[in-house]
Amino acid sequence: METSTLHGQKAKLADVISYQADAIVSKTLVKGETGSVSIFAFDRGQELSEHTVPFDALVCVLDGEAEIRISQAAHRLRAGEAIVMPANQPHAVKALQSFKMTLSMVKV
């Protein structure tokens, strides 16, 4: 299993990653055979285009605001809110303002 420098250390997740102008920044916190946990920082207007993955993915918004589309249904999420993007369903992510999120993917 691969782990980040946070292994065994307390951290405020929103402080683990910084925003960069006109970019999406990501950092893997934990990665193993059965899944991973990553953290992302999206500058305002940045987006991940629609795609699918073969496993469930939990998004937890840490800061800011985003639109998560799942099978054409739009969901507006703010800091403190979460949503599961089901396996094999098309989804996309767009930053309505700069925002940070964790992404936990579970391979079953």
N, C-alpha and C. Protein backbone atom coordinates (compact mmCIF):
# COMPACT_ATOMS: atom_id res chain seq x y z
N MET A 1 0.84 -1.18 0.00
CA MET A 1 0.00 0.00 0.00
C MET A 1 0.88 1.24 0.00
N GLU A 2 0.52 2.21 -0.81
CA GLU A 2 1.23 3.48 -0.88
C GLU A 2 0.51 4.48 0.01
N THR A 3 1.24 5.26 0.80
CA THR A 3 0.63 6.28 1.66
C THR A 3 1.35 7.60 1.51
N SER A 4 0.69 8.66 1.91
CA SER A 4 1.28 9.99 1.82
C SER A 4 2.07 10.30 3.08
N THR A 5 2.62 11.47 3.14
CA THR A 5 3.35 11.91 4.32
C THR A 5 2.41 12.16 5.50
N LEU A 6 1.09 12.06 5.29
CA LEU A 6 0.14 12.24 6.38
C LEU A 6 -0.03 10.98 7.21
N HIS A 7 0.55 9.89 6.76
CA HIS A 7 0.39 8.60 7.45
C HIS A 7 0.77 8.74 8.93
N GLY A 8 -0.20 8.51 9.81
CA GLY A 8 0.04 8.60 11.24
C GLY A 8 0.11 10.00 11.80
N GLN A 9 -0.27 11.00 11.00
CA GLN A 9 -0.21 12.40 11.44
C GLN A 9 -1.57 13.07 11.30
N LYS A 10 -1.89 13.93 12.24
CA LYS A 10 -3.12 14.71 12.19
C LYS A 10 -2.96 15.86 11.19
N ALA A 11 -4.04 16.16 10.46
CA ALA A 11 -3.98 17.25 9.48
C ALA A 11 -5.37 17.81 9.25
N LYS A 12 -5.45 19.08 8.94
CA LYS A 12 -6.68 19.71 8.46
C LYS A 12 -6.65 19.53 6.95
N LEU A 13 -7.56 18.71 6.42
CA LEU A 13 -7.48 18.33 5.00
C LEU A 13 -7.47 19.51 4.05
N ALA A 14 -8.24 20.55 4.33
CA ALA A 14 -8.28 21.69 3.42
C ALA A 14 -6.92 22.39 3.32
N ASP A 15 -6.04 22.18 4.30
CA ASP A 15 -4.72 22.81 4.28
C ASP A 15 -3.65 21.95 3.62
N VAL A 16 -4.00 20.71 3.25
CA VAL A 16 -3.04 19.77 2.67
C VAL A 16 -2.68 20.14 1.24
N ILE A 17 -3.56 20.87 0.57
CA ILE A 17 -3.36 21.21 -0.84
C ILE A 17 -3.70 22.68 -1.06
N SER A 18 -3.04 23.31 -2.01
CA SER A 18 -3.25 24.74 -2.29
C SER A 18 -3.85 24.94 -3.67
N TYR A 19 -4.59 26.03 -3.81
CA TYR A 19 -5.12 26.40 -5.13
C TYR A 19 -3.99 26.91 -6.01
N GLN A 20 -4.12 26.67 -7.32
CA GLN A 20 -3.23 27.26 -8.32
C GLN A 20 -4.10 27.88 -9.40
N ALA A 21 -3.73 29.05 -9.86
CA ALA A 21 -4.51 29.77 -10.86
C ALA A 21 -4.74 28.93 -12.11
N ASP A 22 -5.99 28.90 -12.57
CA ASP A 22 -6.37 28.22 -13.81
C ASP A 22 -5.95 26.75 -13.85
N ALA A 23 -6.03 26.07 -12.70
CA ALA A 23 -5.56 24.67 -12.66
C ALA A 23 -6.38 23.82 -11.70
N ILE A 24 -6.22 22.52 -11.88
CA ILE A 24 -6.70 21.51 -10.94
C ILE A 24 -5.46 20.84 -10.38
N VAL A 25 -5.35 20.83 -9.06
CA VAL A 25 -4.20 20.22 -8.40
C VAL A 25 -4.71 19.01 -7.62
N SER A 26 -3.96 17.91 -7.66
CA SER A 26 -4.38 16.72 -6.91
C SER A 26 -3.19 16.11 -6.18
N LYS A 27 -3.52 15.38 -5.11
CA LYS A 27 -2.51 14.70 -4.32
C LYS A 27 -3.14 13.42 -3.79
N THR A 28 -2.47 12.30 -3.98
CA THR A 28 -2.96 11.03 -3.46
C THR A 28 -2.55 10.92 -2.00
N LEU A 29 -3.53 10.65 -1.14
CA LEU A 29 -3.26 10.50 0.29
C LEU A 29 -3.03 9.04 0.66
N VAL A 30 -3.83 8.13 0.08
CA VAL A 30 -3.70 6.70 0.34
C VAL A 30 -4.05 5.96 -0.95
N LYS A 31 -3.26 4.93 -1.27
CA LYS A 31 -3.57 4.15 -2.46
C LYS A 31 -3.23 2.69 -2.19
N GLY A 32 -4.16 1.83 -2.53
CA GLY A 32 -3.95 0.40 -2.36
C GLY A 32 -4.70 -0.36 -3.44
N GLU A 33 -4.66 -1.68 -3.36
CA GLU A 33 -5.32 -2.51 -4.37
C GLU A 33 -6.83 -2.34 -4.38
N THR A 34 -7.43 -2.02 -3.24
CA THR A 34 -8.89 -1.94 -3.16
C THR A 34 -9.44 -0.52 -3.25
N GLY A 35 -8.60 0.46 -3.47
CA GLY A 35 -9.10 1.82 -3.62
C GLY A 35 -8.06 2.87 -3.30
N SER A 36 -8.53 4.12 -3.28
CA SER A 36 -7.63 5.24 -3.00
C SER A 36 -8.39 6.41 -2.41
N VAL A 37 -7.64 7.30 -1.78
CA VAL A 37 -8.18 8.56 -1.28
C VAL A 37 -7.26 9.65 -1.80
N SER A 38 -7.85 10.62 -2.50
CA SER A 38 -7.08 11.74 -3.05
C SER A 38 -7.73 13.04 -2.63
N ILE A 39 -6.98 14.11 -2.71
CA ILE A 39 -7.50 15.44 -2.42
C ILE A 39 -7.25 16.30 -3.65
N PHE A 40 -8.22 17.17 -3.96
CA PHE A 40 -8.15 18.02 -5.15
C PHE A 40 -8.41 19.47 -4.78
N ALA A 41 -7.78 20.39 -5.50
CA ALA A 41 -8.07 21.82 -5.42
C ALA A 41 -8.33 22.31 -6.84
N PHE A 42 -9.56 22.79 -7.08
CA PHE A 42 -9.97 23.29 -8.40
C PHE A 42 -10.04 24.81 -8.34
N ASP A 43 -9.40 25.49 -9.27
CA ASP A 43 -9.61 26.93 -9.38
C ASP A 43 -10.99 27.17 -10.00
N ARG A 44 -11.57 28.31 -9.75
CA ARG A 44 -12.91 28.64 -10.28
C ARG A 44 -12.98 28.39 -11.78
N GLY A 45 -14.04 27.70 -12.22
CA GLY A 45 -14.27 27.44 -13.64
C GLY A 45 -13.60 26.19 -14.17
N GLN A 46 -12.69 25.60 -13.41
CA GLN A 46 -12.02 24.38 -13.86
C GLN A 46 -12.99 23.21 -13.77
N GLU A 47 -12.82 22.22 -14.64
CA GLU A 47 -13.73 21.09 -14.61
C GLU A 47 -13.09 19.81 -15.12
N LEU A 48 -13.65 18.70 -14.67
CA LEU A 48 -13.33 17.38 -15.20
C LEU A 48 -14.48 17.00 -16.10
N SER A 49 -14.20 16.69 -17.34
CA SER A 49 -15.27 16.36 -18.28
C SER A 49 -15.92 15.03 -17.92
N GLU A 50 -17.08 14.80 -18.49
CA GLU A 50 -17.86 13.60 -18.19
C GLU A 50 -17.06 12.33 -18.49
N HIS A 51 -17.11 11.40 -17.55
CA HIS A 51 -16.42 10.12 -17.70
C HIS A 51 -17.09 9.10 -16.77
N THR A 52 -16.70 7.85 -16.88
CA THR A 52 -17.20 6.81 -15.99
C THR A 52 -16.01 6.06 -15.39
N VAL A 53 -16.25 5.46 -14.24
CA VAL A 53 -15.26 4.59 -13.61
C VAL A 53 -15.98 3.34 -13.11
N PRO A 54 -15.30 2.22 -13.01
CA PRO A 54 -15.96 0.96 -12.66
C PRO A 54 -16.14 0.73 -11.16
N PHE A 55 -16.09 1.80 -10.36
CA PHE A 55 -16.28 1.64 -8.91
C PHE A 55 -16.89 2.91 -8.33
N ASP A 56 -17.53 2.80 -7.16
CA ASP A 56 -18.13 3.95 -6.49
C ASP A 56 -17.06 4.95 -6.08
N ALA A 57 -17.43 6.23 -6.07
CA ALA A 57 -16.51 7.28 -5.66
C ALA A 57 -17.26 8.27 -4.76
N LEU A 58 -16.73 8.48 -3.57
CA LEU A 58 -17.31 9.41 -2.60
C LEU A 58 -16.58 10.74 -2.69
N VAL A 59 -17.33 11.81 -2.96
CA VAL A 59 -16.79 13.17 -2.98
C VAL A 59 -17.24 13.88 -1.72
N CYS A 60 -16.28 14.46 -1.00
CA CYS A 60 -16.56 15.29 0.18
C CYS A 60 -15.97 16.67 -0.09
N VAL A 61 -16.83 17.70 -0.13
CA VAL A 61 -16.36 19.05 -0.40
C VAL A 61 -15.83 19.66 0.90
N LEU A 62 -14.60 20.15 0.86
CA LEU A 62 -13.93 20.71 2.03
C LEU A 62 -14.01 22.23 2.07
N ASP A 63 -14.09 22.86 0.90
CA ASP A 63 -14.04 24.31 0.79
C ASP A 63 -14.68 24.71 -0.53
N GLY A 64 -15.37 25.83 -0.56
CA GLY A 64 -15.91 26.35 -1.80
C GLY A 64 -17.19 25.67 -2.25
N GLU A 65 -17.41 25.68 -3.57
CA GLU A 65 -18.66 25.19 -4.14
C GLU A 65 -18.44 24.58 -5.52
N ALA A 66 -19.13 23.46 -5.77
CA ALA A 66 -18.97 22.76 -7.05
C ALA A 66 -20.30 22.22 -7.55
N GLU A 67 -20.33 21.93 -8.84
CA GLU A 67 -21.45 21.22 -9.43
C GLU A 67 -20.95 19.84 -9.82
N ILE A 68 -21.62 18.81 -9.31
CA ILE A 68 -21.33 17.43 -9.64
C ILE A 68 -22.50 16.93 -10.48
N ARG A 69 -22.22 16.49 -11.70
CA ARG A 69 -23.26 15.92 -12.56
C ARG A 69 -23.12 14.41 -12.56
N ILE A 70 -24.24 13.74 -12.30
CA ILE A 70 -24.27 12.28 -12.34
C ILE A 70 -25.42 11.89 -13.25
N SER A 71 -25.12 11.21 -14.34
CA SER A 71 -26.15 10.80 -15.32
C SER A 71 -27.07 11.96 -15.67
N GLN A 72 -26.48 13.11 -15.99
CA GLN A 72 -27.16 14.33 -16.43
C GLN A 72 -27.87 15.11 -15.32
N ALA A 73 -27.92 14.58 -14.10
CA ALA A 73 -28.55 15.31 -12.98
C ALA A 73 -27.48 16.15 -12.28
N ALA A 74 -27.76 17.46 -12.15
CA ALA A 74 -26.81 18.38 -11.52
C ALA A 74 -27.05 18.46 -10.02
N HIS A 75 -25.95 18.42 -9.26
CA HIS A 75 -26.00 18.53 -7.81
C HIS A 75 -25.02 19.61 -7.38
N ARG A 76 -25.51 20.63 -6.68
CA ARG A 76 -24.66 21.71 -6.20
C ARG A 76 -24.21 21.36 -4.79
N LEU A 77 -22.90 21.28 -4.57
CA LEU A 77 -22.35 20.93 -3.27
C LEU A 77 -21.49 22.06 -2.73
N ARG A 78 -21.59 22.25 -1.42
CA ARG A 78 -20.80 23.25 -0.71
C ARG A 78 -19.97 22.57 0.38
N ALA A 79 -19.08 23.32 0.97
CA ALA A 79 -18.22 22.79 2.04
C ALA A 79 -19.07 22.06 3.08
N GLY A 80 -18.63 20.87 3.45
CA GLY A 80 -19.33 20.06 4.43
C GLY A 80 -20.32 19.07 3.84
N GLU A 81 -20.55 19.13 2.52
CA GLU A 81 -21.50 18.23 1.87
C GLU A 81 -20.76 17.16 1.08
N ALA A 82 -21.46 16.04 0.84
CA ALA A 82 -20.85 14.91 0.15
C ALA A 82 -21.86 14.24 -0.77
N ILE A 83 -21.35 13.46 -1.72
CA ILE A 83 -22.19 12.70 -2.63
C ILE A 83 -21.40 11.48 -3.12
N VAL A 84 -22.12 10.40 -3.39
CA VAL A 84 -21.49 9.21 -3.97
C VAL A 84 -21.79 9.20 -5.46
N MET A 85 -20.75 9.10 -6.26
CA MET A 85 -20.90 8.94 -7.70
C MET A 85 -20.87 7.43 -7.96
N PRO A 86 -22.02 6.85 -8.33
CA PRO A 86 -22.09 5.39 -8.48
C PRO A 86 -21.23 4.87 -9.63
N ALA A 87 -20.75 3.66 -9.43
CA ALA A 87 -19.94 2.98 -10.45
C ALA A 87 -20.67 2.92 -11.78
N ASN A 88 -19.92 3.10 -12.86
CA ASN A 88 -20.40 2.96 -14.23
C ASN A 88 -21.46 3.96 -14.66
N GLN A 89 -21.66 5.03 -13.90
CA GLN A 89 -22.58 6.10 -14.30
C GLN A 89 -21.75 7.32 -14.70
N PRO A 90 -22.08 7.95 -15.82
CA PRO A 90 -21.30 9.11 -16.25
C PRO A 90 -21.42 10.25 -15.24
N HIS A 91 -20.27 10.88 -14.96
CA HIS A 91 -20.27 12.01 -14.03
C HIS A 91 -19.21 13.03 -14.47
N ALA A 92 -19.40 14.25 -13.99
CA ALA A 92 -18.49 15.36 -14.29
C ALA A 92 -18.44 16.28 -13.08
N VAL A 93 -17.37 17.06 -12.98
CA VAL A 93 -17.17 17.97 -11.85
C VAL A 93 -16.80 19.34 -12.38
N LYS A 94 -17.46 20.39 -11.86
CA LYS A 94 -17.13 21.76 -12.27
C LYS A 94 -17.07 22.65 -11.04
N ALA A 95 -16.03 23.48 -10.97
CA ALA A 95 -15.86 24.42 -9.87
C ALA A 95 -16.69 25.68 -10.12
N LEU A 96 -17.75 25.88 -9.33
CA LEU A 96 -18.56 27.10 -9.44
C LEU A 96 -17.81 28.27 -8.82
N GLN A 97 -16.98 27.97 -7.85
CA GLN A 97 -15.98 28.87 -7.28
C GLN A 97 -14.81 27.96 -6.92
N SER A 98 -13.71 28.52 -6.55
CA SER A 98 -12.58 27.66 -6.16
C SER A 98 -13.07 26.71 -5.08
N PHE A 99 -12.72 25.43 -5.22
CA PHE A 99 -13.15 24.48 -4.20
C PHE A 99 -12.15 23.35 -4.05
N LYS A 100 -12.20 22.72 -2.86
CA LYS A 100 -11.35 21.57 -2.54
C LYS A 100 -12.25 20.40 -2.18
N MET A 101 -11.80 19.20 -2.54
CA MET A 101 -12.58 18.00 -2.22
C MET A 101 -11.67 16.83 -1.97
N THR A 102 -12.18 15.87 -1.23
CA THR A 102 -11.54 14.56 -1.17
C THR A 102 -12.32 13.64 -2.10
N LEU A 103 -11.63 12.68 -2.67
CA LEU A 103 -12.24 11.69 -3.53
C LEU A 103 -11.78 10.33 -3.04
N SER A 104 -12.75 9.56 -2.52
CA SER A 104 -12.46 8.21 -2.03
C SER A 104 -13.07 7.21 -2.99
N MET A 105 -12.23 6.40 -3.61
CA MET A 105 -12.70 5.40 -4.57
C MET A 105 -12.55 4.02 -3.97
N VAL A 106 -13.61 3.24 -4.07
CA VAL A 106 -13.63 1.90 -3.50
C VAL A 106 -13.84 0.89 -4.61
N LYS A 107 -12.89 0.02 -4.78
CA LYS A 107 -12.99 -1.02 -5.80
C LYS A 107 -13.59 -2.27 -5.16
N VAL A 108 -14.72 -2.71 -5.70
CA VAL A 108 -15.37 -3.90 -5.15
C VAL A 108 -15.49 -4.98 -6.20
